[in-house]
Amino acid sequence: MSHLVQPAAYIIVIQGRIDCAPLEWSGPVTIASAVADDDQAITTLSGIVTDQAGLIGLIRHLHGLGIVLLSVTRHTQISNRSLAIDGETTHAA
């Protein structure tokens, strides 16, 4: 099976804060916010399980909202447990 259509778990880090409303269409996601060393807010979106097409759709959606992406990390191991991340969890959809 091609890696393009295989689901994988992703963690996306963005600049600033975001609430759950713009992400509700993408499925379950955990949102954690923290303040970086330079006093800028950063938000980590984890628990995103999708294929490459879904990931591209989510990135385009975030771009359309004017959100700055800082990183996208792919994890090939998908489990029923949430991915652990540092920061304060503000919402689990």
PDB file of N, CA and C in Angstrom:
ATOM      1  N   MET A   1       0.840  -1.173   0.000  1.00  0.00           N
ATOM      2  CA  MET A   1       0.000   0.000   0.000  1.00  0.00           C
ATOM      3  C   MET A   1       0.891   1.244   0.000  1.00  0.00           C
ATOM      4  N   SER A   2       0.542   2.212  -0.743  1.00  0.00           N
ATOM      5  CA  SER A   2       1.293   3.458  -0.834  1.00  0.00           C
ATOM      6  C   SER A   2       1.228   4.230   0.473  1.00  0.00           C
ATOM      7  N   HIS A   3       2.335   4.901   0.823  1.00  0.00           N
ATOM      8  CA  HIS A   3       2.361   5.730   2.027  1.00  0.00           C
ATOM      9  C   HIS A   3       1.415   6.915   1.909  1.00  0.00           C
ATOM     10  N   LEU A   4       1.017   7.279   0.701  1.00  0.00           N
ATOM     11  CA  LEU A   4       0.117   8.416   0.519  1.00  0.00           C
ATOM     12  C   LEU A   4      -1.292   8.141   1.026  1.00  0.00           C
ATOM     13  N   VAL A   5      -1.714   6.888   0.980  1.00  0.00           N
ATOM     14  CA  VAL A   5      -3.078   6.570   1.394  1.00  0.00           C
ATOM     15  C   VAL A   5      -3.146   5.863   2.744  1.00  0.00           C
ATOM     16  N   GLN A   6      -1.988   5.547   3.330  1.00  0.00           N
ATOM     17  CA  GLN A   6      -1.975   4.926   4.648  1.00  0.00           C
ATOM     18  C   GLN A   6      -2.197   5.983   5.721  1.00  0.00           C
ATOM     19  N   PRO A   7      -3.124   5.751   6.625  1.00  0.00           N
ATOM     20  CA  PRO A   7      -3.301   6.713   7.720  1.00  0.00           C
ATOM     21  C   PRO A   7      -2.067   6.750   8.606  1.00  0.00           C
ATOM     22  N   ALA A   8      -1.772   7.919   9.128  1.00  0.00           N
ATOM     23  CA  ALA A   8      -0.688   8.108  10.074  1.00  0.00           C
ATOM     24  C   ALA A   8      -1.129   9.162  11.075  1.00  0.00           C
ATOM     25  N   ALA A   9      -0.468   9.197  12.212  1.00  0.00           N
ATOM     26  CA  ALA A   9      -0.753  10.209  13.235  1.00  0.00           C
ATOM     27  C   ALA A   9       0.172  11.393  13.010  1.00  0.00           C
ATOM     28  N   TYR A  10      -0.359  12.594  13.179  1.00  0.00           N
ATOM     29  CA  TYR A  10       0.412  13.813  12.962  1.00  0.00           C
ATOM     30  C   TYR A  10       0.317  14.732  14.165  1.00  0.00           C
ATOM     31  N   ILE A  11       1.384  15.455  14.403  1.00  0.00           N
ATOM     32  CA  ILE A  11       1.402  16.543  15.370  1.00  0.00           C
ATOM     33  C   ILE A  11       1.754  17.796  14.591  1.00  0.00           C
ATOM     34  N   ILE A  12       0.919  18.813  14.711  1.00  0.00           N
ATOM     35  CA  ILE A  12       1.130  20.084  14.015  1.00  0.00           C
ATOM     36  C   ILE A  12       1.315  21.170  15.065  1.00  0.00           C
ATOM     37  N   VAL A  13       2.382  21.945  14.929  1.00  0.00           N
ATOM     38  CA  VAL A  13       2.634  23.063  15.840  1.00  0.00           C
ATOM     39  C   VAL A  13       2.412  24.353  15.066  1.00  0.00           C
ATOM     40  N   ILE A  14       1.613  25.256  15.657  1.00  0.00           N
ATOM     41  CA  ILE A  14       1.292  26.512  14.992  1.00  0.00           C
ATOM     42  C   ILE A  14       1.643  27.694  15.893  1.00  0.00           C
ATOM     43  N   GLN A  15       1.783  28.843  15.277  1.00  0.00           N
ATOM     44  CA  GLN A  15       2.034  30.076  16.016  1.00  0.00           C
ATOM     45  C   GLN A  15       0.710  30.625  16.524  1.00  0.00           C
ATOM     46  N   GLY A  16       0.679  31.073  17.767  1.00  0.00           N
ATOM     47  CA  GLY A  16      -0.536  31.646  18.339  1.00  0.00           C
ATOM     48  C   GLY A  16      -1.435  30.589  18.932  1.00  0.00           C
ATOM     49  N   ARG A  17      -2.668  30.984  19.173  1.00  0.00           N
ATOM     50  CA  ARG A  17      -3.672  30.093  19.770  1.00  0.00           C
ATOM     51  C   ARG A  17      -4.817  29.896  18.788  1.00  0.00           C
ATOM     52  N   ILE A  18      -5.501  28.781  18.944  1.00  0.00           N
ATOM     53  CA  ILE A  18      -6.657  28.480  18.105  1.00  0.00           C
ATOM     54  C   ILE A  18      -7.671  27.748  18.976  1.00  0.00           C
ATOM     55  N   ASP A  19      -8.933  27.993  18.742  1.00  0.00           N
ATOM     56  CA  ASP A  19      -9.941  27.230  19.475  1.00  0.00           C
ATOM     57  C   ASP A  19     -10.335  26.018  18.637  1.00  0.00           C
ATOM     58  N   CYS A  20     -11.231  25.225  19.157  1.00  0.00           N
ATOM     59  CA  CYS A  20     -11.575  23.973  18.481  1.00  0.00           C
ATOM     60  C   CYS A  20     -12.497  24.148  17.287  1.00  0.00           C
ATOM     61  N   ALA A  21     -13.214  25.250  17.203  1.00  0.00           N
ATOM     62  CA  ALA A  21     -14.227  25.414  16.147  1.00  0.00           C
ATOM     63  C   ALA A  21     -13.680  25.227  14.735  1.00  0.00           C
ATOM     64  N   PRO A  22     -12.540  25.846  14.357  1.00  0.00           N
ATOM     65  CA  PRO A  22     -12.054  25.657  12.985  1.00  0.00           C
ATOM     66  C   PRO A  22     -11.563  24.240  12.691  1.00  0.00           C
ATOM     67  N   LEU A  23     -11.401  23.416  13.723  1.00  0.00           N
ATOM     68  CA  LEU A  23     -10.846  22.075  13.528  1.00  0.00           C
ATOM     69  C   LEU A  23     -11.878  20.970  13.686  1.00  0.00           C
ATOM     70  N   GLU A  24     -13.101  21.304  14.020  1.00  0.00           N
ATOM     71  CA  GLU A  24     -14.109  20.279  14.285  1.00  0.00           C
ATOM     72  C   GLU A  24     -14.352  19.362  13.101  1.00  0.00           C
ATOM     73  N   TRP A  25     -14.215  19.867  11.895  1.00  0.00           N
ATOM     74  CA  TRP A  25     -14.480  19.048  10.709  1.00  0.00           C
ATOM     75  C   TRP A  25     -13.393  18.001  10.483  1.00  0.00           C
ATOM     76  N   SER A  26     -12.201  18.171  11.110  1.00  0.00           N
ATOM     77  CA  SER A  26     -11.084  17.272  10.840  1.00  0.00           C
ATOM     78  C   SER A  26     -11.086  16.022  11.699  1.00  0.00           C
ATOM     79  N   GLY A  27     -12.035  15.909  12.640  1.00  0.00           N
ATOM     80  CA  GLY A  27     -12.086  14.756  13.520  1.00  0.00           C
ATOM     81  C   GLY A  27     -11.474  15.072  14.869  1.00  0.00           C
ATOM     82  N   PRO A  28     -11.306  14.061  15.715  1.00  0.00           N
ATOM     83  CA  PRO A  28     -10.773  14.292  17.050  1.00  0.00           C
ATOM     84  C   PRO A  28      -9.368  14.892  17.009  1.00  0.00           C
ATOM     85  N   VAL A  29      -9.149  15.896  17.823  1.00  0.00           N
ATOM     86  CA  VAL A  29      -7.835  16.531  17.918  1.00  0.00           C
ATOM     87  C   VAL A  29      -7.663  17.067  19.337  1.00  0.00           C
ATOM     88  N   THR A  30      -6.450  16.969  19.843  1.00  0.00           N
ATOM     89  CA  THR A  30      -6.119  17.536  21.143  1.00  0.00           C
ATOM     90  C   THR A  30      -5.360  18.824  20.900  1.00  0.00           C
ATOM     91  N   ILE A  31      -5.775  19.887  21.587  1.00  0.00           N
ATOM     92  CA  ILE A  31      -5.155  21.196  21.418  1.00  0.00           C
ATOM     93  C   ILE A  31      -4.474  21.574  22.726  1.00  0.00           C
ATOM     94  N   ALA A  32      -3.164  21.842  22.659  1.00  0.00           N
ATOM     95  CA  ALA A  32      -2.407  22.257  23.840  1.00  0.00           C
ATOM     96  C   ALA A  32      -1.665  23.540  23.518  1.00  0.00           C
ATOM     97  N   SER A  33      -1.754  24.512  24.422  1.00  0.00           N
ATOM     98  CA  SER A  33      -1.087  25.797  24.212  1.00  0.00           C
ATOM     99  C   SER A  33       0.000  25.996  25.254  1.00  0.00           C
ATOM    100  N   ALA A  34       1.048  26.698  24.854  1.00  0.00           N
ATOM    101  CA  ALA A  34       2.165  27.008  25.738  1.00  0.00           C
ATOM    102  C   ALA A  34       2.766  28.327  25.274  1.00  0.00           C
ATOM    103  N   VAL A  35       3.620  28.883  26.100  1.00  0.00           N
ATOM    104  CA  VAL A  35       4.321  30.106  25.743  1.00  0.00           C
ATOM    105  C   VAL A  35       5.786  29.754  25.509  1.00  0.00           C
ATOM    106  N   ALA A  36       6.304  30.146  24.350  1.00  0.00           N
ATOM    107  CA  ALA A  36       7.695  29.873  23.994  1.00  0.00           C
ATOM    108  C   ALA A  36       8.629  30.807  24.752  1.00  0.00           C
ATOM    109  N   ASP A  37       9.930  30.572  24.618  1.00  0.00           N
ATOM    110  CA  ASP A  37      10.942  31.393  25.287  1.00  0.00           C
ATOM    111  C   ASP A  37      10.844  32.864  24.922  1.00  0.00           C
ATOM    112  N   ASP A  38      10.369  33.157  23.710  1.00  0.00           N
ATOM    113  CA  ASP A  38      10.262  34.550  23.264  1.00  0.00           C
ATOM    114  C   ASP A  38       8.894  35.162  23.590  1.00  0.00           C
ATOM    115  N   ASP A  39       8.173  34.550  24.522  1.00  0.00           N
ATOM    116  CA  ASP A  39       6.855  35.007  24.973  1.00  0.00           C
ATOM    117  C   ASP A  39       5.775  34.936  23.904  1.00  0.00           C
ATOM    118  N   GLN A  40       6.006  34.203  22.829  1.00  0.00           N
ATOM    119  CA  GLN A  40       5.000  33.974  21.794  1.00  0.00           C
ATOM    120  C   GLN A  40       4.199  32.719  22.146  1.00  0.00           C
ATOM    121  N   ALA A  41       2.911  32.780  21.953  1.00  0.00           N
ATOM    122  CA  ALA A  41       2.061  31.610  22.176  1.00  0.00           C
ATOM    123  C   ALA A  41       2.249  30.628  21.029  1.00  0.00           C
ATOM    124  N   ILE A  42       2.368  29.367  21.373  1.00  0.00           N
ATOM    125  CA  ILE A  42       2.395  28.308  20.366  1.00  0.00           C
ATOM    126  C   ILE A  42       1.343  27.277  20.761  1.00  0.00           C
ATOM    127  N   THR A  43       0.762  26.649  19.763  1.00  0.00           N
ATOM    128  CA  THR A  43      -0.284  25.658  19.999  1.00  0.00           C
ATOM    129  C   THR A  43       0.097  24.378  19.286  1.00  0.00           C
ATOM    130  N   THR A  44      -0.076  23.265  19.980  1.00  0.00           N
ATOM    131  CA  THR A  44       0.213  21.953  19.422  1.00  0.00           C
ATOM    132  C   THR A  44      -1.099  21.218  19.198  1.00  0.00           C
ATOM    133  N   LEU A  45      -1.290  20.751  17.973  1.00  0.00           N
ATOM    134  CA  LEU A  45      -2.469  19.960  17.597  1.00  0.00           C
ATOM    135  C   LEU A  45      -2.001  18.524  17.466  1.00  0.00           C
ATOM    136  N   SER A  46      -2.534  17.630  18.276  1.00  0.00           N
ATOM    137  CA  SER A  46      -2.102  16.234  18.214  1.00  0.00           C
ATOM    138  C   SER A  46      -3.304  15.308  18.133  1.00  0.00           C
ATOM    139  N   GLY A  47      -3.023  14.045  17.870  1.00  0.00           N
ATOM    140  CA  GLY A  47      -4.087  13.070  17.748  1.00  0.00           C
ATOM    141  C   GLY A  47      -4.748  13.080  16.385  1.00  0.00           C
ATOM    142  N   ILE A  48      -4.142  13.781  15.431  1.00  0.00           N
ATOM    143  CA  ILE A  48      -4.677  13.867  14.077  1.00  0.00           C
ATOM    144  C   ILE A  48      -4.300  12.584  13.340  1.00  0.00           C
ATOM    145  N   VAL A  49      -5.275  11.811  12.934  1.00  0.00           N
ATOM    146  CA  VAL A  49      -5.022  10.583  12.184  1.00  0.00           C
ATOM    147  C   VAL A  49      -5.691  10.718  10.835  1.00  0.00           C
ATOM    148  N   THR A  50      -4.868  10.733   9.788  1.00  0.00           N
ATOM    149  CA  THR A  50      -5.385  10.915   8.436  1.00  0.00           C
ATOM    150  C   THR A  50      -4.355  10.435   7.424  1.00  0.00           C
ATOM    151  N   ASP A  51      -4.736  10.398   6.172  1.00  0.00           N
ATOM    152  CA  ASP A  51      -3.785  10.090   5.109  1.00  0.00           C
ATOM    153  C   ASP A  51      -3.217  11.408   4.572  1.00  0.00           C
ATOM    154  N   GLN A  52      -2.376  11.332   3.557  1.00  0.00           N
ATOM    155  CA  GLN A  52      -1.731  12.527   3.015  1.00  0.00           C
ATOM    156  C   GLN A  52      -2.738  13.533   2.464  1.00  0.00           C
ATOM    157  N   ALA A  53      -3.787  13.060   1.816  1.00  0.00           N
ATOM    158  CA  ALA A  53      -4.791  13.975   1.262  1.00  0.00           C
ATOM    159  C   ALA A  53      -5.497  14.740   2.382  1.00  0.00           C
ATOM    160  N   GLY A  54      -5.830  14.051   3.468  1.00  0.00           N
ATOM    161  CA  GLY A  54      -6.463  14.708   4.607  1.00  0.00           C
ATOM    162  C   GLY A  54      -5.536  15.710   5.271  1.00  0.00           C
ATOM    163  N   LEU A  55      -4.250  15.363   5.364  1.00  0.00           N
ATOM    164  CA  LEU A  55      -3.267  16.277   5.948  1.00  0.00           C
ATOM    165  C   LEU A  55      -3.146  17.545   5.109  1.00  0.00           C
ATOM    166  N   ILE A  56      -3.076  17.384   3.813  1.00  0.00           N
ATOM    167  CA  ILE A  56      -2.979  18.548   2.924  1.00  0.00           C
ATOM    168  C   ILE A  56      -4.233  19.412   3.053  1.00  0.00           C
ATOM    169  N   GLY A  57      -5.404  18.783   3.140  1.00  0.00           N
ATOM    170  CA  GLY A  57      -6.640  19.535   3.329  1.00  0.00           C
ATOM    171  C   GLY A  57      -6.624  20.327   4.627  1.00  0.00           C
ATOM    172  N   LEU A  58      -6.135  19.713   5.705  1.00  0.00           N
ATOM    173  CA  LEU A  58      -6.055  20.401   6.992  1.00  0.00           C
ATOM    174  C   LEU A  58      -5.072  21.566   6.923  1.00  0.00           C
ATOM    175  N   ILE A  59      -3.915  21.351   6.305  1.00  0.00           N
ATOM    176  CA  ILE A  59      -2.926  22.424   6.175  1.00  0.00           C
ATOM    177  C   ILE A  59      -3.491  23.572   5.339  1.00  0.00           C
ATOM    178  N   ARG A  60      -4.189  23.266   4.267  1.00  0.00           N
ATOM    179  CA  ARG A  60      -4.815  24.318   3.453  1.00  0.00           C
ATOM    180  C   ARG A  60      -5.868  25.085   4.249  1.00  0.00           C
ATOM    181  N   HIS A  61      -6.619  24.365   5.069  1.00  0.00           N
ATOM    182  CA  HIS A  61      -7.636  24.997   5.912  1.00  0.00           C
ATOM    183  C   HIS A  61      -6.977  25.962   6.900  1.00  0.00           C
ATOM    184  N   LEU A  62      -5.917  25.515   7.556  1.00  0.00           N
ATOM    185  CA  LEU A  62      -5.200  26.381   8.494  1.00  0.00           C
ATOM    186  C   LEU A  62      -4.611  27.594   7.779  1.00  0.00           C
ATOM    187  N   HIS A  63      -4.063  27.381   6.598  1.00  0.00           N
ATOM    188  CA  HIS A  63      -3.507  28.487   5.808  1.00  0.00           C
ATOM    189  C   HIS A  63      -4.595  29.497   5.459  1.00  0.00           C
ATOM    190  N   GLY A  64      -5.753  29.008   5.085  1.00  0.00           N
ATOM    191  CA  GLY A  64      -6.873  29.891   4.754  1.00  0.00           C
ATOM    192  C   GLY A  64      -7.325  30.730   5.935  1.00  0.00           C
ATOM    193  N   LEU A  65      -7.081  30.247   7.138  1.00  0.00           N
ATOM    194  CA  LEU A  65      -7.417  30.996   8.343  1.00  0.00           C
ATOM    195  C   LEU A  65      -6.299  31.969   8.740  1.00  0.00           C
ATOM    196  N   GLY A  66      -5.199  31.959   7.972  1.00  0.00           N
ATOM    197  CA  GLY A  66      -4.076  32.856   8.266  1.00  0.00           C
ATOM    198  C   GLY A  66      -3.183  32.353   9.384  1.00  0.00           C
ATOM    199  N   ILE A  67      -3.214  31.072   9.653  1.00  0.00           N
ATOM    200  CA  ILE A  67      -2.432  30.487  10.738  1.00  0.00           C
ATOM    201  C   ILE A  67      -1.045  30.103  10.225  1.00  0.00           C
ATOM    202  N   VAL A  68      -0.019  30.448  11.016  1.00  0.00           N
ATOM    203  CA  VAL A  68       1.368  30.166  10.655  1.00  0.00           C
ATOM    204  C   VAL A  68       1.756  28.791  11.197  1.00  0.00           C
ATOM    205  N   LEU A  69       2.166  27.886  10.298  1.00  0.00           N
ATOM    206  CA  LEU A  69       2.643  26.557  10.696  1.00  0.00           C
ATOM    207  C   LEU A  69       4.099  26.652  11.129  1.00  0.00           C
ATOM    208  N   LEU A  70       4.421  26.026  12.254  1.00  0.00           N
ATOM    209  CA  LEU A  70       5.808  25.967  12.714  1.00  0.00           C
ATOM    210  C   LEU A  70       6.418  24.601  12.434  1.00  0.00           C
ATOM    211  N   SER A  71       5.620  23.542  12.544  1.00  0.00           N
ATOM    212  CA  SER A  71       6.132  22.214  12.218  1.00  0.00           C
ATOM    213  C   SER A  71       4.995  21.225  12.018  1.00  0.00           C
ATOM    214  N   VAL A  72       5.283  20.185  11.247  1.00  0.00           N
ATOM    215  CA  VAL A  72       4.376  19.055  11.057  1.00  0.00           C
ATOM    216  C   VAL A  72       5.226  17.806  11.232  1.00  0.00           C
ATOM    217  N   THR A  73       4.823  16.937  12.163  1.00  0.00           N
ATOM    218  CA  THR A  73       5.581  15.713  12.439  1.00  0.00           C
ATOM    219  C   THR A  73       4.681  14.518  12.208  1.00  0.00           C
ATOM    220  N   ARG A  74       5.192  13.530  11.478  1.00  0.00           N
ATOM    221  CA  ARG A  74       4.442  12.307  11.178  1.00  0.00           C
ATOM    222  C   ARG A  74       4.907  11.184  12.084  1.00  0.00           C
ATOM    223  N   HIS A  75       3.958  10.458  12.637  1.00  0.00           N
ATOM    224  CA  HIS A  75       4.243   9.283  13.463  1.00  0.00           C
ATOM    225  C   HIS A  75       3.580   8.095  12.808  1.00  0.00           C
ATOM    226  N   THR A  76       4.344   7.063  12.511  1.00  0.00           N
ATOM    227  CA  THR A  76       3.774   5.900  11.840  1.00  0.00           C
ATOM    228  C   THR A  76       3.030   4.991  12.807  1.00  0.00           C
ATOM    229  N   GLN A  77       3.327   5.084  14.099  1.00  0.00           N
ATOM    230  CA  GLN A  77       2.633   4.268  15.091  1.00  0.00           C
ATOM    231  C   GLN A  77       1.329   4.940  15.469  1.00  0.00           C
ATOM    232  N   ILE A  78       0.225   4.289  15.223  1.00  0.00           N
ATOM    233  CA  ILE A  78      -1.087   4.803  15.591  1.00  0.00           C
ATOM    234  C   ILE A  78      -1.625   3.907  16.696  1.00  0.00           C
ATOM    235  N   SER A  79      -2.027   4.510  17.788  1.00  0.00           N
ATOM    236  CA  SER A  79      -2.616   3.737  18.879  1.00  0.00           C
ATOM    237  C   SER A  79      -3.920   4.397  19.311  1.00  0.00           C
ATOM    238  N   ASN A  80      -4.640   3.728  20.160  1.00  0.00           N
ATOM    239  CA  ASN A  80      -5.885   4.274  20.670  1.00  0.00           C
ATOM    240  C   ASN A  80      -5.639   5.308  21.766  1.00  0.00           C
ATOM    241  N   ARG A  81      -4.398   5.400  22.252  1.00  0.00           N
ATOM    242  CA  ARG A  81      -4.074   6.346  23.302  1.00  0.00           C
ATOM    243  C   ARG A  81      -3.669   7.671  22.673  1.00  0.00           C
ATOM    244  N   SER A  82      -3.913   8.742  23.385  1.00  0.00           N
ATOM    245  CA  SER A  82      -3.529  10.067  22.904  1.00  0.00           C
ATOM    246  C   SER A  82      -2.013  10.183  22.896  1.00  0.00           C
ATOM    247  N   LEU A  83      -1.485  10.977  21.978  1.00  0.00           N
ATOM    248  CA  LEU A  83      -0.064  11.248  21.960  1.00  0.00           C
ATOM    249  C   LEU A  83       0.251  12.226  23.091  1.00  0.00           C
ATOM    250  N   ALA A  84       1.290  11.954  23.829  1.00  0.00           N
ATOM    251  CA  ALA A  84       1.661  12.813  24.955  1.00  0.00           C
ATOM    252  C   ALA A  84       2.439  14.010  24.434  1.00  0.00           C
ATOM    253  N   ILE A  85       2.072  15.188  24.892  1.00  0.00           N
ATOM    254  CA  ILE A  85       2.763  16.408  24.508  1.00  0.00           C
ATOM    255  C   ILE A  85       2.913  17.297  25.724  1.00  0.00           C
ATOM    256  N   ASP A  86       3.916  18.178  25.700  1.00  0.00           N
ATOM    257  CA  ASP A  86       4.101  19.144  26.775  1.00  0.00           C
ATOM    258  C   ASP A  86       3.162  20.303  26.567  1.00  0.00           C
ATOM    259  N   GLY A  87       2.766  20.930  27.643  1.00  0.00           N
ATOM    260  CA  GLY A  87       1.900  22.101  27.558  1.00  0.00           C
ATOM    261  C   GLY A  87       0.566  21.820  28.227  1.00  0.00           C
ATOM    262  N   GLU A  88      -0.210  22.818  28.340  1.00  0.00           N
ATOM    263  CA  GLU A  88      -1.513  22.723  28.993  1.00  0.00           C
ATOM    264  C   GLU A  88      -2.567  22.346  27.965  1.00  0.00           C
ATOM    265  N   THR A  89      -3.268  21.252  28.199  1.00  0.00           N
ATOM    266  CA  THR A  89      -4.314  20.838  27.289  1.00  0.00           C
ATOM    267  C   THR A  89      -5.525  21.747  27.481  1.00  0.00           C
ATOM    268  N   THR A  90      -5.938  22.381  26.395  1.00  0.00           N
ATOM    269  CA  THR A  90      -7.048  23.305  26.481  1.00  0.00           C
ATOM    270  C   THR A  90      -8.331  22.714  25.922  1.00  0.00           C
ATOM    271  N   HIS A  91      -8.227  21.679  25.074  1.00  0.00           N
ATOM    272  CA  HIS A  91      -9.433  21.093  24.499  1.00  0.00           C
ATOM    273  C   HIS A  91      -9.109  19.743  23.908  1.00  0.00           C
ATOM    274  N   ALA A  92      -9.976  18.822  24.068  1.00  0.00           N
ATOM    275  CA  ALA A  92      -9.894  17.535  23.365  1.00  0.00           C
ATOM    276  C   ALA A  92     -11.231  17.344  22.677  1.00  0.00           C
ATOM    277  N   ALA A  93     -11.216  17.414  21.352  1.00  0.00           N
ATOM    278  CA  ALA A  93     -12.468  17.301  20.586  1.00  0.00           C
ATOM    279  C   ALA A  93     -12.876  15.843  20.473  1.00  0.00           C
TER     280      ALA A  93
END
